[in-house]
Amino acid sequence: MNILIVDDESVIREGVKRTIERSGSGHKVFVASSADEAAEALDRHSVDIVLTDILMPGMDGLEFMKVSRGKYPNVRWVVISAHSEFAYAQKAVQLGARDYILKPIGKKNLMELIAALSGEIEKERLHSREEEFIRTSLKYLREAVFQRLAAGLDIGKLDLSPFMEAHPRFRLLMVTMDAGSKNVHLEHFIIDNVLTELIGLHGSGLAVSLDRLSLLGLVTLREGVAMETLLGEVKRHLKHYLKIPFQVHHSEELTDFKKVPRIVAQFRQAPASGTYVSFDGGSDRAIEVALHFIDSHYNEDLSLEKVASIVFLNPIYFSQLFKQKTGQGYKEYVISLRMEHAKRLLANPDLKLADVAERIGYQDVRHFTQVFRKKFEMTPTEYRSRPL
């Protein structure tokens, strides 16, 4: 089995990798610290099982799973979750995750789950290995041939007639990103998956890469489905997931495959004068993820810049959005959260003030005391000694 571990904490991903490799199971393990790296790994390797953390910088584990399922329907997904993220883990199972593992990850439970999933996969492969190989080979060949056709390149003696017969009437749509020199591997991966999933949902067809910034979809819509419906869903999904502007071009209904290169050439000329769609960033979701991260990591470095980077927002915009959504300034929220935890810890007489301060993210006891007194108009010692 090929297993991919996706977690932004190196201790977790390397620990899981070491556990699997030392088990003697013979599984090959790949690691990724972000959705971007995970997308590259899925493209490069034939992955059977993905173990992904929920909260990561940029795209979180749940959204990465959602955008990947269409392209990799046979991958088993397992969510790595902290106790405080249990509701997210339950949601992941509802979205199609096979199971979830709570941190700290127990070696015995981990290997039992891997063994169970491996057994399921092997059982399926015995029944469908040859069929799947033929189907996958034909799919990649068909996409490669159509890709050359769309680019106006010679396809030699390769026969596209079975594909043409399957799509006597079709439409084209092309998504183009405005990214400059930015690395857009993850964005490319997202567009590919969104197009593949939505084309399959509303009809039949395929999506292929034209170049680093452009992807082309061919679709034969089911009867009763309007092109506007598909376009609307494509734009809505991409506005949510992408962090860069993009354009979506589409053709009228076509019946002649010979027209494909000319239509694609017209699409390519359009970006110079066309209007790019700006992403909306999923602001509610961004603040939800940020709040969950803060609540789970309140005793760590929680600078505004760090948390803003986790949800891929400009720090100034994130600060404004945070106050708009929560009614509190960012710094005020973090201090209030830490001080509430401090009050609970102070109830334990065995903990020294230095221990309490360190557990809520303060290395300097004097600074902790000053912040506590400003918040509650008494020192931590006075709070501790007050009559109950």
Protein backbone atom coordinates (compact mmCIF):
# COMPACT_ATOMS: atom_id res chain seq x y z
CA MET A 1 0.00 0.00 0.00
CA ASN A 2 1.05 3.60 -0.63
CA ILE A 3 0.14 5.84 2.30
CA LEU A 4 0.25 9.65 2.38
CA ILE A 5 0.43 11.51 5.71
CA VAL A 6 -0.60 15.18 5.61
CA ASP A 7 0.11 17.21 8.75
CA ASP A 8 1.76 20.60 9.30
CA GLU A 9 3.36 19.33 12.54
CA SER A 10 6.57 17.51 11.64
CA VAL A 11 6.54 15.58 14.94
CA ILE A 12 3.15 14.06 14.06
CA ARG A 13 3.79 13.21 10.41
CA GLU A 14 7.29 11.83 11.00
CA GLY A 15 6.07 9.89 14.05
CA VAL A 16 3.25 8.27 12.08
CA LYS A 17 5.60 7.53 9.18
CA ARG A 18 8.13 5.92 11.54
CA THR A 19 5.43 3.80 13.20
CA ILE A 20 4.17 2.43 9.87
CA GLU A 21 7.64 1.80 8.46
CA ARG A 22 8.83 0.00 11.61
CA SER A 23 5.75 -2.21 11.71
CA GLY A 24 7.19 -4.45 9.00
CA SER A 25 4.00 -4.15 6.95
CA GLY A 26 5.91 -3.19 3.81
CA HIS A 27 3.79 -0.11 3.15
CA LYS A 28 5.42 2.83 1.35
CA VAL A 29 4.88 6.11 3.17
CA PHE A 30 4.92 9.66 1.77
CA VAL A 31 4.58 12.85 3.82
CA ALA A 32 3.28 16.36 3.14
CA SER A 33 3.10 19.42 5.39
CA SER A 34 0.29 21.19 3.49
CA ALA A 35 -2.51 20.67 0.97
CA ASP A 36 -0.16 22.04 -1.72
CA GLU A 37 2.45 19.34 -1.06
CA ALA A 38 -0.28 16.70 -0.71
CA ALA A 39 -1.71 17.59 -4.13
CA GLU A 40 1.74 17.09 -5.69
CA ALA A 41 2.11 13.73 -3.92
CA LEU A 42 -1.29 12.51 -5.13
CA ASP A 43 -0.39 13.50 -8.69
CA ARG A 44 3.04 11.87 -8.53
CA HIS A 45 2.25 8.62 -6.70
CA SER A 46 -0.53 6.05 -6.75
CA VAL A 47 -1.78 6.66 -3.20
CA ASP A 48 -4.16 4.19 -1.54
CA ILE A 49 -4.67 5.76 1.89
CA VAL A 50 -4.44 9.41 3.02
CA LEU A 51 -4.13 10.32 6.70
CA THR A 52 -4.76 14.07 6.97
CA ASP A 53 -4.79 16.56 9.81
CA ILE A 54 -7.85 18.82 10.00
CA LEU A 55 -6.36 22.23 10.78
CA MET A 56 -3.44 23.23 8.55
CA PRO A 57 -2.17 26.51 7.08
CA GLY A 58 -4.05 27.44 3.91
CA MET A 59 -6.58 24.82 2.84
CA ASP A 60 -7.67 22.62 5.74
CA GLY A 61 -7.92 18.83 5.67
CA LEU A 62 -11.68 18.68 5.16
CA GLU A 63 -11.68 21.00 2.15
CA PHE A 64 -8.69 19.19 0.66
CA MET A 65 -10.56 15.90 0.97
CA LYS A 66 -13.68 17.42 -0.66
CA VAL A 67 -11.82 18.73 -3.72
CA SER A 68 -9.80 15.52 -4.16
CA ARG A 69 -12.52 12.87 -4.04
CA GLY A 70 -13.69 13.41 -7.62
CA LYS A 71 -10.27 12.76 -9.13
CA TYR A 72 -9.25 10.04 -6.65
CA PRO A 73 -12.49 8.18 -5.83
CA ASN A 74 -10.73 5.00 -4.68
CA VAL A 75 -8.49 6.65 -2.06
CA ARG A 76 -9.36 5.87 1.57
CA TRP A 77 -9.34 8.98 3.75
CA VAL A 78 -8.58 8.99 7.48
CA VAL A 79 -8.71 12.20 9.53
CA ILE A 80 -6.18 12.96 12.27
CA SER A 81 -8.00 14.95 14.94
CA ALA A 82 -7.37 16.51 18.34
CA HIS A 83 -10.03 15.96 21.01
CA SER A 84 -11.10 19.59 20.61
CA GLU A 85 -11.67 18.97 16.90
CA PHE A 86 -13.99 16.01 17.43
CA ALA A 87 -16.98 17.71 15.74
CA TYR A 88 -14.80 18.28 12.67
CA ALA A 89 -13.83 14.60 12.68
CA GLN A 90 -17.48 13.57 12.73
CA LYS A 91 -18.17 15.91 9.81
CA ALA A 92 -15.24 14.37 7.94
CA VAL A 93 -16.80 10.92 8.25
CA GLN A 94 -20.07 12.34 6.92
CA LEU A 95 -18.12 13.74 3.94
CA GLY A 96 -16.68 10.34 3.13
CA ALA A 97 -13.68 9.82 5.41
CA ARG A 98 -13.27 6.14 6.26
CA ASP A 99 -12.40 6.84 9.90
CA TYR A 100 -10.60 9.23 12.21
CA ILE A 101 -7.73 8.95 14.69
CA LEU A 102 -7.54 11.09 17.83
CA LYS A 103 -4.29 12.70 18.96
CA PRO A 104 -2.11 11.53 20.61
CA ILE A 105 -2.06 8.76 18.02
CA GLY A 106 -1.89 5.29 19.54
CA LYS A 107 0.41 2.95 17.60
CA LYS A 108 -1.83 -0.09 18.12
CA ASN A 109 -5.01 1.66 16.91
CA LEU A 110 -3.16 3.20 13.98
CA MET A 111 -1.79 -0.11 12.72
CA GLU A 112 -5.12 -1.90 13.25
CA LEU A 113 -6.86 0.73 11.12
CA ILE A 114 -4.16 0.58 8.41
CA ALA A 115 -4.45 -3.23 8.37
CA ALA A 116 -8.24 -3.06 8.03
CA LEU A 117 -8.08 -0.56 5.18
CA SER A 118 -5.34 -2.54 3.43
CA GLY A 119 -7.50 -5.64 3.64
CA GLU A 120 -10.46 -3.82 2.09
CA ILE A 121 -8.33 -2.44 -0.73
CA GLU A 122 -6.72 -5.80 -1.54
CA LYS A 123 -10.13 -7.49 -1.58
CA GLU A 124 -11.45 -4.94 -4.07
CA ARG A 125 -8.34 -5.21 -6.22
CA LEU A 126 -8.73 -8.96 -6.61
CA HIS A 127 -12.11 -8.38 -8.19
CA SER A 128 -11.38 -5.34 -10.30
CA ARG A 129 -7.63 -5.03 -10.94
CA GLU A 130 -7.71 -5.91 -14.64
CA GLU A 131 -10.85 -3.89 -15.35
CA GLU A 132 -9.48 -0.90 -13.47
CA PHE A 133 -6.15 -1.07 -15.31
CA ILE A 134 -7.87 -1.10 -18.70
CA ARG A 135 -10.28 1.67 -17.69
CA THR A 136 -7.53 3.88 -16.25
CA SER A 137 -5.23 3.33 -19.25
CA LEU A 138 -8.00 4.23 -21.69
CA LYS A 139 -8.90 7.30 -19.62
CA TYR A 140 -5.35 8.65 -19.63
CA LEU A 141 -4.89 7.86 -23.33
CA ARG A 142 -8.16 9.59 -24.21
CA GLU A 143 -7.22 12.67 -22.15
CA ALA A 144 -3.75 12.83 -23.69
CA VAL A 145 -5.14 12.62 -27.22
CA PHE A 146 -7.82 15.24 -26.55
CA GLN A 147 -5.20 17.48 -24.94
CA ARG A 148 -3.09 17.37 -28.13
CA LEU A 149 -6.17 17.96 -30.28
CA ALA A 150 -7.18 21.00 -28.21
CA ALA A 151 -3.68 22.45 -28.50
CA GLY A 152 -3.82 22.08 -32.30
CA LEU A 153 -1.15 19.36 -32.36
CA ASP A 154 -1.07 16.33 -34.63
CA ILE A 155 -2.66 13.21 -33.10
CA GLY A 156 -1.23 10.92 -35.77
CA LYS A 157 -3.22 7.78 -36.45
CA LEU A 158 -4.84 7.67 -33.03
CA ASP A 159 -8.56 7.04 -33.38
CA LEU A 160 -10.84 9.43 -31.49
CA SER A 161 -14.04 8.14 -33.09
CA PRO A 162 -15.28 6.18 -29.99
CA PHE A 163 -14.88 9.37 -27.93
CA MET A 164 -16.57 11.48 -30.61
CA GLU A 165 -19.46 9.02 -30.80
CA ALA A 166 -19.91 9.31 -27.03
CA HIS A 167 -20.14 13.12 -27.38
CA PRO A 168 -22.08 13.92 -30.57
CA ARG A 169 -23.08 17.26 -29.02
CA PHE A 170 -20.79 18.94 -26.50
CA ARG A 171 -19.62 22.22 -25.02
CA LEU A 172 -16.20 23.47 -24.00
CA LEU A 173 -15.28 25.50 -20.94
CA MET A 174 -11.86 26.80 -20.03
CA VAL A 175 -10.62 28.13 -16.68
CA THR A 176 -7.65 30.50 -16.77
CA MET A 177 -5.83 31.78 -13.68
CA ASP A 178 -4.20 35.17 -13.23
CA ALA A 179 -1.21 34.17 -11.13
CA GLY A 180 1.91 35.74 -12.60
CA SER A 181 4.94 33.80 -11.36
CA LYS A 182 3.15 32.34 -8.32
CA ASN A 183 3.38 28.57 -7.83
CA VAL A 184 -0.16 27.41 -8.63
CA HIS A 185 0.17 23.64 -8.38
CA LEU A 186 -2.50 23.43 -5.68
CA GLU A 187 -4.83 25.81 -7.55
CA HIS A 188 -4.35 23.77 -10.74
CA PHE A 189 -5.15 20.60 -8.77
CA ILE A 190 -8.31 22.21 -7.33
CA ILE A 191 -9.61 23.36 -10.73
CA ASP A 192 -8.96 19.91 -12.23
CA ASN A 193 -10.93 18.24 -9.44
CA VAL A 194 -13.78 20.78 -9.45
CA LEU A 195 -14.24 20.49 -13.23
CA THR A 196 -14.04 16.68 -13.14
CA GLU A 197 -16.56 16.39 -10.31
CA LEU A 198 -19.08 18.93 -11.66
CA ILE A 199 -18.90 17.63 -15.24
CA GLY A 200 -19.62 14.15 -13.89
CA LEU A 201 -22.44 15.51 -11.75
CA HIS A 202 -24.24 17.28 -14.62
CA GLY A 203 -23.38 15.04 -17.55
CA SER A 204 -20.30 13.33 -18.98
CA GLY A 205 -16.95 14.45 -20.32
CA LEU A 206 -13.46 15.19 -19.05
CA ALA A 207 -11.05 17.89 -17.92
CA VAL A 208 -7.47 18.27 -19.16
CA SER A 209 -4.56 20.59 -18.45
CA LEU A 210 -3.58 22.93 -21.29
CA ASP A 211 -0.70 24.63 -19.49
CA ARG A 212 0.35 25.91 -16.06
CA LEU A 213 -2.50 28.45 -15.89
CA SER A 214 -5.28 26.93 -18.04
CA LEU A 215 -7.50 23.86 -17.93
CA LEU A 216 -10.11 22.79 -20.47
CA GLY A 217 -13.31 20.88 -19.87
CA LEU A 218 -15.50 19.07 -22.39
CA VAL A 219 -19.04 18.28 -21.30
CA THR A 220 -22.15 16.67 -22.73
CA LEU A 221 -24.87 17.87 -20.38
CA ARG A 222 -27.68 15.60 -19.23
CA GLU A 223 -31.09 16.41 -20.64
CA GLY A 224 -32.71 19.24 -18.73
CA VAL A 225 -29.42 20.68 -17.37
CA ALA A 226 -28.61 24.22 -18.50
CA MET A 227 -25.04 25.32 -19.19
CA GLU A 228 -25.66 28.30 -16.90
CA THR A 229 -26.20 25.87 -14.02
CA LEU A 230 -22.83 24.20 -14.57
CA LEU A 231 -21.04 27.53 -15.05
CA GLY A 232 -22.62 28.95 -11.90
CA GLU A 233 -21.48 26.00 -9.81
CA VAL A 234 -17.97 26.06 -11.29
CA LYS A 235 -17.59 29.75 -10.44
CA ARG A 236 -19.10 29.32 -6.96
CA HIS A 237 -16.77 26.45 -6.07
CA LEU A 238 -13.68 28.14 -7.47
CA LYS A 239 -14.48 31.45 -5.72
CA HIS A 240 -14.57 29.52 -2.46
CA TYR A 241 -11.41 27.46 -2.93
CA LEU A 242 -9.07 29.62 -5.01
CA LYS A 243 -7.06 32.49 -3.59
CA ILE A 244 -6.27 34.08 -6.96
CA PRO A 245 -8.43 35.66 -9.70
CA PHE A 246 -9.63 33.45 -12.56
CA GLN A 247 -11.73 33.51 -15.73
CA VAL A 248 -14.21 30.95 -17.05
CA HIS A 249 -14.88 30.85 -20.82
CA HIS A 250 -17.43 28.61 -22.51
CA SER A 251 -18.61 27.77 -26.00
CA GLU A 252 -21.98 27.24 -27.59
CA GLU A 253 -23.05 23.66 -28.26
CA LEU A 254 -20.71 22.02 -30.80
CA THR A 255 -20.96 18.93 -33.00
CA ASP A 256 -17.62 19.05 -34.81
CA PHE A 257 -14.40 18.14 -33.00
CA LYS A 258 -12.39 19.86 -35.72
CA LYS A 259 -13.55 23.18 -34.27
CA VAL A 260 -12.00 22.50 -30.85
CA PRO A 261 -8.51 23.99 -31.58
CA ARG A 262 -10.07 27.18 -33.00
CA ILE A 263 -12.41 27.61 -30.01
CA VAL A 264 -9.52 27.08 -27.58
CA ALA A 265 -7.44 29.67 -29.49
CA GLN A 266 -10.33 32.14 -29.11
CA PHE A 267 -10.49 31.41 -25.38
CA ARG A 268 -6.77 32.12 -25.08
CA GLN A 269 -7.15 35.53 -26.72
CA ALA A 270 -9.99 36.54 -24.41
CA PRO A 271 -8.07 36.99 -21.09
CA ALA A 272 -6.43 40.18 -22.35
CA SER A 273 -9.79 41.93 -22.45
CA GLY A 274 -11.87 39.72 -20.16
CA THR A 275 -12.82 40.28 -16.54
CA TYR A 276 -11.30 38.07 -13.86
CA VAL A 277 -13.43 36.78 -11.01
CA SER A 278 -11.98 37.71 -7.63
CA PHE A 279 -12.12 35.11 -4.90
CA ASP A 280 -14.39 35.71 -1.90
CA GLY A 281 -12.06 33.79 0.42
CA GLY A 282 -14.90 32.13 2.30
CA SER A 283 -14.67 34.74 5.06
CA ASP A 284 -17.04 33.02 7.48
CA ARG A 285 -15.18 29.75 7.06
CA ALA A 286 -11.82 31.51 7.44
CA ILE A 287 -12.78 33.01 10.80
CA GLU A 288 -14.30 29.70 11.92
CA VAL A 289 -11.01 27.92 11.18
CA ALA A 290 -9.01 30.72 12.84
CA LEU A 291 -11.13 30.56 16.02
CA HIS A 292 -10.78 26.80 16.20
CA PHE A 293 -7.01 27.08 15.74
CA ILE A 294 -6.76 29.74 18.47
CA ASP A 295 -8.86 27.70 20.89
CA SER A 296 -6.66 24.64 20.28
CA HIS A 297 -3.30 26.47 20.41
CA TYR A 298 -3.93 29.28 22.93
CA ASN A 299 -0.70 28.41 24.80
CA GLU A 300 1.50 28.86 21.70
CA ASP A 301 2.73 31.81 19.66
CA LEU A 302 -0.49 33.38 18.38
CA SER A 303 0.67 36.49 16.59
CA LEU A 304 -1.91 38.07 14.30
CA GLU A 305 0.38 37.49 11.32
CA LYS A 306 0.73 33.77 12.06
CA VAL A 307 -3.01 33.09 12.40
CA ALA A 308 -3.80 35.25 9.34
CA SER A 309 -1.33 33.17 7.31
CA ILE A 310 -3.06 29.96 8.40
CA VAL A 311 -6.27 31.09 6.68
CA PHE A 312 -4.38 32.79 3.80
CA LEU A 313 -5.61 36.31 4.55
CA ASN A 314 -3.82 39.63 4.63
CA PRO A 315 -3.15 40.47 8.34
CA ILE A 316 -4.86 43.87 8.14
CA TYR A 317 -7.92 42.44 6.37
CA PHE A 318 -7.96 39.47 8.78
CA SER A 319 -7.90 41.83 11.77
CA GLN A 320 -10.86 43.81 10.42
CA LEU A 321 -12.78 40.66 9.49
CA PHE A 322 -12.10 39.07 12.87
CA LYS A 323 -13.56 42.04 14.75
CA GLN A 324 -16.53 42.19 12.38
CA LYS A 325 -17.32 38.48 12.89
CA THR A 326 -16.57 38.15 16.63
CA GLY A 327 -17.24 41.64 18.00
CA GLN A 328 -13.77 41.62 19.62
CA GLY A 329 -10.35 42.73 18.48
CA TYR A 330 -7.93 39.90 17.79
CA LYS A 331 -5.56 40.67 20.66
CA GLU A 332 -8.46 41.21 23.05
CA TYR A 333 -9.95 37.83 22.12
CA VAL A 334 -6.68 35.95 22.67
CA ILE A 335 -6.03 37.64 26.02
CA SER A 336 -9.59 36.91 27.23
CA LEU A 337 -9.28 33.27 26.22
CA ARG A 338 -5.92 32.86 27.97
CA MET A 339 -7.10 34.59 31.13
CA GLU A 340 -10.18 32.35 31.39
CA HIS A 341 -7.89 29.34 31.16
CA ALA A 342 -5.63 30.93 33.77
CA LYS A 343 -8.54 31.23 36.24
CA ARG A 344 -9.28 27.51 35.89
CA LEU A 345 -5.61 26.61 36.37
CA LEU A 346 -5.30 28.85 39.43
CA ALA A 347 -7.93 26.71 41.12
CA ASN A 348 -5.26 24.01 41.36
CA PRO A 349 -3.12 24.90 44.43
CA ASP A 350 -0.33 22.55 43.33
CA LEU A 351 0.46 24.70 40.30
CA LYS A 352 2.98 27.51 40.75
CA LEU A 353 2.30 30.87 39.07
CA ALA A 354 5.14 30.19 36.65
CA ASP A 355 3.48 26.90 35.65
CA VAL A 356 0.14 28.62 35.09
CA ALA A 357 1.76 31.37 33.04
CA GLU A 358 3.66 28.88 30.88
CA ARG A 359 0.58 26.73 30.27
CA ILE A 360 -1.34 29.64 28.78
CA GLY A 361 1.52 30.94 26.66
CA TYR A 362 3.41 33.41 28.88
CA GLN A 363 7.09 32.83 29.62
CA ASP A 364 7.35 35.92 31.83
CA VAL A 365 5.42 35.64 35.14
CA ARG A 366 5.49 39.41 35.67
CA HIS A 367 3.94 40.02 32.26
CA PHE A 368 1.27 37.40 33.00
CA THR A 369 0.52 39.08 36.36
CA GLN A 370 0.20 42.51 34.74
CA VAL A 371 -2.19 41.24 32.05
CA PHE A 372 -4.26 39.30 34.63
CA ARG A 373 -4.54 42.34 36.94
CA LYS A 374 -5.57 44.59 34.07
CA LYS A 375 -8.24 42.11 33.05
CA PHE A 376 -9.69 41.24 36.48
CA GLU A 377 -8.46 44.13 38.68
CA MET A 378 -6.59 41.73 40.98
CA THR A 379 -3.36 39.75 40.79
CA PRO A 380 -3.34 35.99 40.23
CA THR A 381 -2.28 35.52 43.88
CA GLU A 382 -5.18 37.68 45.09
CA TYR A 383 -7.58 35.76 42.85
CA ARG A 384 -6.30 32.50 44.33
CA SER A 385 -6.69 33.66 47.93
CA ARG A 386 -10.12 35.24 47.54
CA PRO A 387 -12.91 33.66 49.62
CA LEU A 388 -14.93 31.11 47.64
